[in-house]
């Protein structure tokens, strides 16, 4: 089972379109959004471009239009909640979150959550920086930012069964 992982889209429709194309080409079963979608029109664009692929996500610190985002989420059967959110997929316990405050703080929190051993994987956003590491067979993943605001835009493909992930640039 494959998951597309995306974060920090920041209303960049061109990047949303590119990410959707990658997810469709890889035939992912689910897309996990790690926050900072921003506006409802961006979430709707993502849902339409994914052609019925299930989307699960969390709000980011810049998602100010929560009511509008919830309306879109309901219309497209998207699970969108406050972080952190625990998801169980194929027997894997995956904790998804966005982040808080300075990037180093978010990174340290994500690491600590993973090292606790309570989850098979911790997926986070907010820092806009790619992070793909393993601790005792457990996955820590930040796909980087999709928007390309601070760094080259990217997403990730995650094999849920093996917890093998790879980061893919949005070209």
N, C-alpha and C. Protein backbone atom coordinates (compact mmCIF):
# COMPACT_ATOMS: atom_id res chain seq x y z
N UNK A 1 0.86 -1.18 0.00
CA UNK A 1 0.00 0.00 0.00
C UNK A 1 0.89 1.23 0.00
N UNK A 2 0.62 2.16 -0.90
CA UNK A 2 1.42 3.37 -1.03
C UNK A 2 0.64 4.60 -0.57
N UNK A 3 1.37 5.48 0.10
CA UNK A 3 0.81 6.77 0.52
C UNK A 3 1.62 7.89 -0.11
N UNK A 4 0.92 8.90 -0.58
CA UNK A 4 1.57 10.14 -0.99
C UNK A 4 1.59 11.04 0.23
N UNK A 5 2.73 11.67 0.49
CA UNK A 5 2.85 12.54 1.66
C UNK A 5 3.22 13.93 1.18
N UNK A 6 2.47 14.92 1.65
CA UNK A 6 2.64 16.29 1.19
C UNK A 6 2.48 17.24 2.38
N UNK A 7 3.17 18.36 2.32
CA UNK A 7 3.06 19.35 3.39
C UNK A 7 3.29 20.74 2.82
N UNK A 8 2.80 21.72 3.54
CA UNK A 8 3.08 23.13 3.25
C UNK A 8 2.84 23.49 1.78
N UNK A 9 1.61 23.27 1.35
CA UNK A 9 1.25 23.64 -0.03
C UNK A 9 1.03 25.14 -0.18
N UNK A 10 0.65 25.81 0.88
CA UNK A 10 0.54 27.28 0.91
C UNK A 10 -0.15 27.88 -0.32
N UNK A 11 -1.25 27.27 -0.72
CA UNK A 11 -2.07 27.77 -1.83
C UNK A 11 -1.36 27.80 -3.19
N UNK A 12 -0.27 27.08 -3.34
CA UNK A 12 0.43 27.05 -4.63
C UNK A 12 -0.24 26.00 -5.51
N UNK A 13 -1.15 26.47 -6.37
CA UNK A 13 -1.94 25.55 -7.19
C UNK A 13 -1.09 24.79 -8.19
N UNK A 14 -0.06 25.41 -8.71
CA UNK A 14 0.83 24.73 -9.65
C UNK A 14 1.51 23.54 -8.97
N UNK A 15 1.96 23.73 -7.74
CA UNK A 15 2.59 22.64 -6.99
C UNK A 15 1.57 21.57 -6.61
N UNK A 16 0.37 21.97 -6.27
CA UNK A 16 -0.70 21.01 -5.96
C UNK A 16 -0.97 20.14 -7.18
N UNK A 17 -1.01 20.76 -8.35
CA UNK A 17 -1.24 20.01 -9.60
C UNK A 17 -0.10 19.03 -9.86
N UNK A 18 1.15 19.47 -9.67
CA UNK A 18 2.31 18.59 -9.89
C UNK A 18 2.31 17.43 -8.90
N UNK A 19 2.04 17.74 -7.64
CA UNK A 19 2.01 16.68 -6.61
C UNK A 19 0.90 15.67 -6.93
N UNK A 20 -0.25 16.16 -7.32
CA UNK A 20 -1.36 15.27 -7.66
C UNK A 20 -1.00 14.36 -8.83
N UNK A 21 -0.32 14.91 -9.81
CA UNK A 21 0.11 14.11 -10.95
C UNK A 21 1.06 12.99 -10.50
N UNK A 22 2.01 13.33 -9.64
CA UNK A 22 2.94 12.32 -9.11
C UNK A 22 2.20 11.24 -8.34
N UNK A 23 1.27 11.65 -7.49
CA UNK A 23 0.52 10.68 -6.69
C UNK A 23 -0.34 9.78 -7.59
N UNK A 24 -0.94 10.36 -8.61
CA UNK A 24 -1.74 9.56 -9.54
C UNK A 24 -0.85 8.60 -10.34
N UNK A 25 0.32 9.07 -10.79
CA UNK A 25 1.24 8.21 -11.55
C UNK A 25 1.74 7.04 -10.72
N UNK A 26 1.98 7.27 -9.42
CA UNK A 26 2.46 6.21 -8.54
C UNK A 26 1.32 5.34 -8.01
N UNK A 27 0.11 5.68 -8.38
CA UNK A 27 -1.07 4.93 -7.96
C UNK A 27 -1.14 4.76 -6.44
N UNK A 28 -0.95 5.88 -5.74
CA UNK A 28 -1.04 5.82 -4.28
C UNK A 28 -2.47 5.49 -3.86
N UNK A 29 -2.59 4.87 -2.71
CA UNK A 29 -3.90 4.50 -2.18
C UNK A 29 -4.48 5.58 -1.28
N UNK A 30 -3.60 6.42 -0.76
CA UNK A 30 -4.00 7.46 0.19
C UNK A 30 -3.01 8.61 0.10
N UNK A 31 -3.49 9.81 0.38
CA UNK A 31 -2.62 10.99 0.46
C UNK A 31 -2.74 11.54 1.87
N UNK A 32 -1.58 11.82 2.45
CA UNK A 32 -1.51 12.38 3.81
C UNK A 32 -0.97 13.79 3.69
N UNK A 33 -1.77 14.78 4.11
CA UNK A 33 -1.35 16.19 4.09
C UNK A 33 -0.99 16.61 5.51
N UNK A 34 0.23 17.13 5.66
CA UNK A 34 0.77 17.46 6.98
C UNK A 34 0.61 18.92 7.36
N UNK A 35 -0.32 19.60 6.75
CA UNK A 35 -0.67 20.95 7.20
C UNK A 35 -0.15 22.09 6.35
N UNK A 36 -0.70 23.26 6.64
CA UNK A 36 -0.51 24.49 5.88
C UNK A 36 -1.01 24.34 4.44
N UNK A 37 -2.23 23.83 4.36
CA UNK A 37 -2.97 23.82 3.10
C UNK A 37 -3.28 25.28 2.77
N UNK A 38 -3.74 26.00 3.73
CA UNK A 38 -4.10 27.41 3.81
C UNK A 38 -5.59 27.61 3.51
N UNK A 39 -5.98 27.73 2.24
CA UNK A 39 -7.35 28.12 1.91
C UNK A 39 -8.17 26.94 1.37
N UNK A 40 -9.49 27.03 1.53
CA UNK A 40 -10.37 25.96 1.04
C UNK A 40 -10.19 25.66 -0.46
N UNK A 41 -9.95 26.67 -1.29
CA UNK A 41 -9.82 26.40 -2.72
C UNK A 41 -8.64 25.48 -3.02
N UNK A 42 -7.61 25.53 -2.20
CA UNK A 42 -6.45 24.65 -2.40
C UNK A 42 -6.78 23.21 -2.06
N UNK A 43 -7.51 23.00 -0.97
CA UNK A 43 -7.91 21.65 -0.60
C UNK A 43 -8.85 21.07 -1.65
N UNK A 44 -9.75 21.89 -2.16
CA UNK A 44 -10.67 21.43 -3.20
C UNK A 44 -9.91 21.06 -4.47
N UNK A 45 -8.92 21.86 -4.85
CA UNK A 45 -8.11 21.57 -6.04
C UNK A 45 -7.40 20.22 -5.86
N UNK A 46 -6.82 20.01 -4.69
CA UNK A 46 -6.13 18.75 -4.42
C UNK A 46 -7.11 17.58 -4.54
N UNK A 47 -8.25 17.70 -3.91
CA UNK A 47 -9.25 16.61 -3.95
C UNK A 47 -9.68 16.31 -5.38
N UNK A 48 -9.94 17.33 -6.17
CA UNK A 48 -10.38 17.12 -7.55
C UNK A 48 -9.29 16.47 -8.40
N UNK A 49 -8.06 16.88 -8.22
CA UNK A 49 -6.95 16.35 -9.02
C UNK A 49 -6.59 14.92 -8.64
N UNK A 50 -6.94 14.50 -7.44
CA UNK A 50 -6.60 13.15 -6.99
C UNK A 50 -7.60 12.09 -7.43
N UNK A 51 -8.65 12.49 -8.10
CA UNK A 51 -9.60 11.54 -8.69
C UNK A 51 -10.10 10.47 -7.71
N UNK A 52 -10.52 10.89 -6.53
CA UNK A 52 -11.13 9.96 -5.58
C UNK A 52 -10.17 9.28 -4.62
N UNK A 53 -8.87 9.59 -4.68
CA UNK A 53 -7.93 9.01 -3.72
C UNK A 53 -8.25 9.60 -2.34
N UNK A 54 -8.28 8.75 -1.34
CA UNK A 54 -8.57 9.17 0.04
C UNK A 54 -7.51 10.15 0.52
N UNK A 55 -7.96 11.21 1.21
CA UNK A 55 -7.05 12.21 1.78
C UNK A 55 -7.30 12.30 3.28
N UNK A 56 -6.20 12.25 4.03
CA UNK A 56 -6.22 12.46 5.47
C UNK A 56 -5.23 13.58 5.75
N UNK A 57 -5.59 14.51 6.63
CA UNK A 57 -4.66 15.59 6.91
C UNK A 57 -4.90 16.26 8.24
N UNK A 58 -3.98 17.17 8.52
CA UNK A 58 -4.06 17.98 9.73
C UNK A 58 -3.91 19.45 9.34
N UNK A 59 -4.43 20.30 10.20
CA UNK A 59 -4.25 21.73 10.01
C UNK A 59 -2.81 22.12 10.32
N UNK A 60 -2.36 23.18 9.67
CA UNK A 60 -1.08 23.77 10.01
C UNK A 60 -1.30 25.11 10.69
N UNK A 61 -0.24 25.74 11.13
CA UNK A 61 -0.35 27.01 11.84
C UNK A 61 -0.88 28.14 10.97
N UNK A 62 -0.84 27.99 9.65
CA UNK A 62 -1.34 29.03 8.75
C UNK A 62 -2.72 28.74 8.17
N UNK A 63 -3.36 27.67 8.62
CA UNK A 63 -4.69 27.33 8.12
C UNK A 63 -5.73 28.13 8.91
N UNK A 64 -6.00 29.33 8.47
CA UNK A 64 -6.90 30.22 9.19
C UNK A 64 -8.37 30.03 8.87
N UNK A 65 -8.68 29.47 7.73
CA UNK A 65 -10.07 29.31 7.31
C UNK A 65 -10.58 27.90 7.63
N UNK A 66 -10.55 27.54 8.90
CA UNK A 66 -10.90 26.18 9.29
C UNK A 66 -12.34 25.80 8.94
N UNK A 67 -13.25 26.73 9.06
CA UNK A 67 -14.65 26.41 8.73
C UNK A 67 -14.77 26.10 7.25
N UNK A 68 -14.18 26.92 6.41
CA UNK A 68 -14.20 26.67 4.96
C UNK A 68 -13.49 25.38 4.59
N UNK A 69 -12.36 25.12 5.25
CA UNK A 69 -11.64 23.86 5.00
C UNK A 69 -12.48 22.66 5.40
N UNK A 70 -13.22 22.77 6.52
CA UNK A 70 -14.08 21.67 6.95
C UNK A 70 -15.21 21.42 5.97
N UNK A 71 -15.76 22.48 5.39
CA UNK A 71 -16.83 22.32 4.40
C UNK A 71 -16.30 21.53 3.20
N UNK A 72 -15.14 21.92 2.69
CA UNK A 72 -14.53 21.20 1.56
C UNK A 72 -14.22 19.76 1.97
N UNK A 73 -13.66 19.59 3.16
CA UNK A 73 -13.33 18.25 3.64
C UNK A 73 -14.57 17.35 3.66
N UNK A 74 -15.67 17.87 4.18
CA UNK A 74 -16.92 17.08 4.20
C UNK A 74 -17.39 16.75 2.79
N UNK A 75 -17.32 17.72 1.89
CA UNK A 75 -17.79 17.52 0.51
C UNK A 75 -17.00 16.45 -0.23
N UNK A 76 -15.73 16.25 0.14
CA UNK A 76 -14.87 15.29 -0.55
C UNK A 76 -14.45 14.12 0.34
N UNK A 77 -15.13 13.93 1.45
CA UNK A 77 -14.83 12.83 2.39
C UNK A 77 -13.36 12.81 2.82
N UNK A 78 -12.84 13.99 3.10
CA UNK A 78 -11.47 14.14 3.58
C UNK A 78 -11.49 14.18 5.10
N UNK A 79 -10.58 13.44 5.73
CA UNK A 79 -10.41 13.50 7.18
C UNK A 79 -9.42 14.61 7.47
N UNK A 80 -9.88 15.70 8.06
CA UNK A 80 -9.03 16.84 8.36
C UNK A 80 -9.25 17.23 9.82
N UNK A 81 -8.18 17.17 10.60
CA UNK A 81 -8.30 17.39 12.04
C UNK A 81 -7.15 18.23 12.57
N UNK A 82 -7.29 18.63 13.83
CA UNK A 82 -6.18 19.29 14.50
C UNK A 82 -5.07 18.27 14.74
N UNK A 83 -3.83 18.71 14.68
CA UNK A 83 -2.73 17.80 14.97
C UNK A 83 -2.48 17.72 16.48
N UNK A 84 -1.85 16.67 16.95
CA UNK A 84 -1.43 15.48 16.20
C UNK A 84 -2.62 14.55 15.97
N UNK A 85 -2.51 13.75 14.94
CA UNK A 85 -3.58 12.79 14.59
C UNK A 85 -2.94 11.42 14.40
N UNK A 86 -3.50 10.44 15.06
CA UNK A 86 -3.04 9.07 14.90
C UNK A 86 -3.86 8.40 13.82
N UNK A 87 -3.18 7.80 12.87
CA UNK A 87 -3.87 7.03 11.84
C UNK A 87 -3.31 5.61 11.85
N UNK A 88 -4.18 4.67 11.63
CA UNK A 88 -3.80 3.26 11.54
C UNK A 88 -4.06 2.80 10.12
N UNK A 89 -3.00 2.37 9.45
CA UNK A 89 -3.11 1.90 8.08
C UNK A 89 -2.38 0.57 7.99
N UNK A 90 -3.11 -0.47 7.59
CA UNK A 90 -2.50 -1.79 7.41
C UNK A 90 -1.70 -2.22 8.64
N UNK A 91 -2.23 -1.94 9.82
CA UNK A 91 -1.58 -2.34 11.06
C UNK A 91 -0.44 -1.43 11.50
N UNK A 92 -0.16 -0.39 10.75
CA UNK A 92 0.88 0.57 11.11
C UNK A 92 0.27 1.74 11.87
N UNK A 93 0.90 2.09 12.99
CA UNK A 93 0.48 3.26 13.76
C UNK A 93 1.33 4.44 13.30
N UNK A 94 0.67 5.41 12.69
CA UNK A 94 1.37 6.56 12.12
C UNK A 94 0.83 7.82 12.77
N UNK A 95 1.72 8.60 13.35
CA UNK A 95 1.35 9.87 13.96
C UNK A 95 1.66 10.98 12.96
N UNK A 96 0.66 11.79 12.66
CA UNK A 96 0.88 12.91 11.74
C UNK A 96 0.66 14.22 12.47
N UNK A 97 1.51 15.18 12.16
CA UNK A 97 1.41 16.50 12.80
C UNK A 97 2.00 17.54 11.87
N UNK A 98 1.78 18.79 12.23
CA UNK A 98 2.38 19.87 11.45
C UNK A 98 3.64 20.31 12.16
N UNK A 99 3.52 21.15 13.16
CA UNK A 99 4.67 21.61 13.91
C UNK A 99 4.35 22.89 14.63
N UNK A 100 5.31 23.34 15.46
CA UNK A 100 5.10 24.52 16.29
C UNK A 100 6.39 25.31 16.38
N UNK A 101 6.28 26.61 16.37
CA UNK A 101 7.41 27.48 16.67
C UNK A 101 8.59 27.29 15.74
N UNK A 102 9.80 27.53 16.27
CA UNK A 102 11.01 27.43 15.45
C UNK A 102 11.20 26.03 14.87
N UNK A 103 11.84 25.94 13.72
CA UNK A 103 11.99 24.66 13.03
C UNK A 103 12.75 23.63 13.87
N UNK A 104 13.79 24.05 14.58
CA UNK A 104 14.53 23.10 15.40
C UNK A 104 13.67 22.51 16.50
N UNK A 105 12.76 23.31 17.06
CA UNK A 105 11.86 22.84 18.10
C UNK A 105 10.94 21.76 17.55
N UNK A 106 10.35 22.02 16.37
CA UNK A 106 9.47 21.04 15.74
C UNK A 106 10.21 19.75 15.45
N UNK A 107 11.41 19.87 14.91
CA UNK A 107 12.21 18.69 14.58
C UNK A 107 12.51 17.86 15.84
N UNK A 108 12.86 18.52 16.94
CA UNK A 108 13.16 17.81 18.19
C UNK A 108 11.92 17.12 18.76
N UNK A 109 10.77 17.77 18.65
CA UNK A 109 9.53 17.15 19.12
C UNK A 109 9.21 15.91 18.29
N UNK A 110 9.32 16.03 16.97
CA UNK A 110 9.04 14.89 16.09
C UNK A 110 9.98 13.73 16.41
N UNK A 111 11.26 14.02 16.60
CA UNK A 111 12.23 12.98 16.95
C UNK A 111 11.86 12.31 18.28
N UNK A 112 11.53 13.11 19.27
CA UNK A 112 11.18 12.57 20.59
C UNK A 112 9.94 11.68 20.51
N UNK A 113 8.96 12.11 19.74
CA UNK A 113 7.75 11.30 19.59
C UNK A 113 8.09 9.95 18.95
N UNK A 114 8.95 9.95 17.95
CA UNK A 114 9.31 8.71 17.30
C UNK A 114 10.12 7.81 18.23
N UNK A 115 11.09 8.39 18.91
CA UNK A 115 11.95 7.61 19.80
C UNK A 115 11.17 7.01 20.96
N UNK A 116 10.02 7.60 21.29
CA UNK A 116 9.20 7.04 22.37
C UNK A 116 8.79 5.60 22.10
N UNK A 117 8.78 5.23 20.82
CA UNK A 117 8.43 3.86 20.46
C UNK A 117 6.94 3.57 20.37
N UNK A 118 6.12 4.57 20.54
CA UNK A 118 4.66 4.36 20.52
C UNK A 118 4.09 4.27 19.11
N UNK A 119 4.84 4.76 18.12
CA UNK A 119 4.35 4.79 16.74
C UNK A 119 5.39 4.18 15.81
N UNK A 120 4.90 3.62 14.71
CA UNK A 120 5.80 3.07 13.69
C UNK A 120 6.43 4.17 12.86
N UNK A 121 5.70 5.27 12.72
CA UNK A 121 6.20 6.39 11.93
C UNK A 121 5.64 7.69 12.50
N UNK A 122 6.44 8.74 12.40
CA UNK A 122 5.99 10.09 12.71
C UNK A 122 6.26 10.93 11.46
N UNK A 123 5.19 11.53 10.96
CA UNK A 123 5.27 12.37 9.77
C UNK A 123 4.96 13.80 10.19
N UNK A 124 5.81 14.74 9.78
CA UNK A 124 5.60 16.12 10.20
C UNK A 124 5.93 17.09 9.06
N UNK A 125 5.47 18.32 9.23
CA UNK A 125 5.73 19.39 8.26
C UNK A 125 6.33 20.59 8.97
N UNK A 126 5.86 21.77 8.58
CA UNK A 126 6.17 23.05 9.23
C UNK A 126 7.57 23.59 8.96
N UNK A 127 8.58 22.76 8.97
CA UNK A 127 9.96 23.26 8.84
C UNK A 127 10.32 23.60 7.40
N UNK A 128 9.55 23.07 6.46
CA UNK A 128 9.80 23.20 5.02
C UNK A 128 11.04 22.44 4.58
N UNK A 129 11.71 21.74 5.49
CA UNK A 129 12.94 21.01 5.18
C UNK A 129 12.68 19.51 5.10
N UNK A 130 13.26 18.89 4.09
CA UNK A 130 13.14 17.44 3.93
C UNK A 130 13.85 16.74 5.10
N UNK A 131 13.25 15.65 5.54
CA UNK A 131 13.83 14.86 6.63
C UNK A 131 13.35 13.43 6.46
N UNK A 132 14.27 12.53 6.21
CA UNK A 132 13.94 11.12 6.03
C UNK A 132 14.98 10.31 6.79
N UNK A 133 14.56 9.82 7.97
CA UNK A 133 15.49 9.08 8.83
C UNK A 133 14.76 7.92 9.50
N UNK A 134 15.56 6.98 9.94
CA UNK A 134 15.02 5.82 10.67
C UNK A 134 15.69 5.73 12.03
N UNK A 135 14.89 5.41 13.03
CA UNK A 135 15.35 5.17 14.39
C UNK A 135 14.83 3.80 14.79
N UNK A 136 15.71 2.83 14.97
CA UNK A 136 15.31 1.48 15.37
C UNK A 136 14.18 0.94 14.50
N UNK A 137 14.28 1.14 13.20
CA UNK A 137 13.28 0.64 12.26
C UNK A 137 12.03 1.47 12.16
N UNK A 138 11.98 2.58 12.88
CA UNK A 138 10.82 3.47 12.84
C UNK A 138 11.16 4.67 11.95
N UNK A 139 10.15 5.16 11.23
CA UNK A 139 10.36 6.20 10.24
C UNK A 139 10.03 7.59 10.76
N UNK A 140 10.93 8.52 10.51
CA UNK A 140 10.69 9.95 10.74
C UNK A 140 10.73 10.60 9.36
N UNK A 141 9.63 11.27 8.98
CA UNK A 141 9.54 11.80 7.62
C UNK A 141 8.93 13.19 7.60
N UNK A 142 9.63 14.09 6.94
CA UNK A 142 9.09 15.38 6.53
C UNK A 142 9.35 15.44 5.04
N UNK A 143 8.29 15.53 4.21
CA UNK A 143 8.49 15.50 2.75
C UNK A 143 9.07 16.81 2.20
N UNK A 144 9.30 17.78 3.06
CA UNK A 144 9.70 19.11 2.58
C UNK A 144 8.46 19.88 2.19
N UNK A 145 8.67 21.04 1.68
CA UNK A 145 7.52 21.87 1.30
C UNK A 145 7.13 21.65 -0.14
N UNK A 146 5.84 21.59 -0.38
CA UNK A 146 5.34 21.47 -1.75
C UNK A 146 5.31 22.83 -2.44
N UNK A 147 5.17 23.89 -1.69
CA UNK A 147 4.98 25.22 -2.28
C UNK A 147 6.23 25.80 -2.93
N UNK A 148 7.41 25.40 -2.47
CA UNK A 148 8.63 25.96 -3.02
C UNK A 148 8.89 27.39 -2.58
N UNK A 149 8.45 27.74 -1.38
CA UNK A 149 8.62 29.10 -0.86
C UNK A 149 10.06 29.34 -0.41
N UNK A 150 10.60 28.41 0.37
CA UNK A 150 11.95 28.55 0.91
C UNK A 150 12.96 27.61 0.27
N UNK A 151 12.49 26.45 -0.15
CA UNK A 151 13.36 25.41 -0.70
C UNK A 151 12.72 24.83 -1.95
N UNK A 152 13.47 23.96 -2.62
CA UNK A 152 12.92 23.28 -3.79
C UNK A 152 11.70 22.47 -3.38
N UNK A 153 10.61 22.55 -4.12
CA UNK A 153 9.39 21.84 -3.74
C UNK A 153 9.55 20.32 -3.88
N UNK A 154 8.90 19.59 -2.95
CA UNK A 154 8.98 18.14 -2.98
C UNK A 154 7.80 17.52 -2.25
N UNK A 155 7.62 16.23 -2.49
CA UNK A 155 6.64 15.40 -1.81
C UNK A 155 7.33 14.06 -1.52
N UNK A 156 6.61 13.14 -0.90
CA UNK A 156 7.19 11.82 -0.64
C UNK A 156 6.19 10.74 -0.99
N UNK A 157 6.75 9.58 -1.32
CA UNK A 157 5.97 8.36 -1.51
C UNK A 157 6.41 7.40 -0.41
N UNK A 158 5.43 6.87 0.30
CA UNK A 158 5.69 6.00 1.43
C UNK A 158 5.02 4.65 1.22
N UNK A 159 5.80 3.58 1.30
CA UNK A 159 5.25 2.23 1.29
C UNK A 159 4.87 1.91 2.74
N UNK A 160 3.60 1.83 3.00
CA UNK A 160 3.11 1.62 4.36
C UNK A 160 3.58 0.28 4.92
N UNK A 161 3.61 -0.75 4.11
CA UNK A 161 3.99 -2.08 4.57
C UNK A 161 5.44 -2.14 5.04
N UNK A 162 6.35 -1.60 4.24
CA UNK A 162 7.78 -1.69 4.56
C UNK A 162 8.31 -0.46 5.30
N UNK A 163 7.53 0.62 5.31
CA UNK A 163 7.94 1.93 5.85
C UNK A 163 9.12 2.53 5.08
N UNK A 164 9.32 2.10 3.86
CA UNK A 164 10.34 2.70 3.00
C UNK A 164 9.72 3.92 2.32
N UNK A 165 10.46 5.02 2.37
CA UNK A 165 9.96 6.26 1.78
C UNK A 165 11.02 6.85 0.87
N UNK A 166 10.56 7.64 -0.07
CA UNK A 166 11.50 8.41 -0.89
C UNK A 166 10.89 9.77 -1.17
N UNK A 167 11.75 10.75 -1.20
CA UNK A 167 11.33 12.12 -1.47
C UNK A 167 11.50 12.39 -2.96
N UNK A 168 10.48 13.00 -3.53
CA UNK A 168 10.46 13.26 -4.96
C UNK A 168 10.32 14.75 -5.20
N UNK A 169 11.22 15.33 -5.99
CA UNK A 169 11.09 16.76 -6.31
C UNK A 169 9.88 17.01 -7.21
N UNK A 170 9.28 18.18 -7.03
CA UNK A 170 8.17 18.59 -7.92
C UNK A 170 8.79 19.37 -9.07
N UNK A 171 8.93 18.71 -10.20
CA UNK A 171 9.56 19.36 -11.36
C UNK A 171 8.53 19.84 -12.34
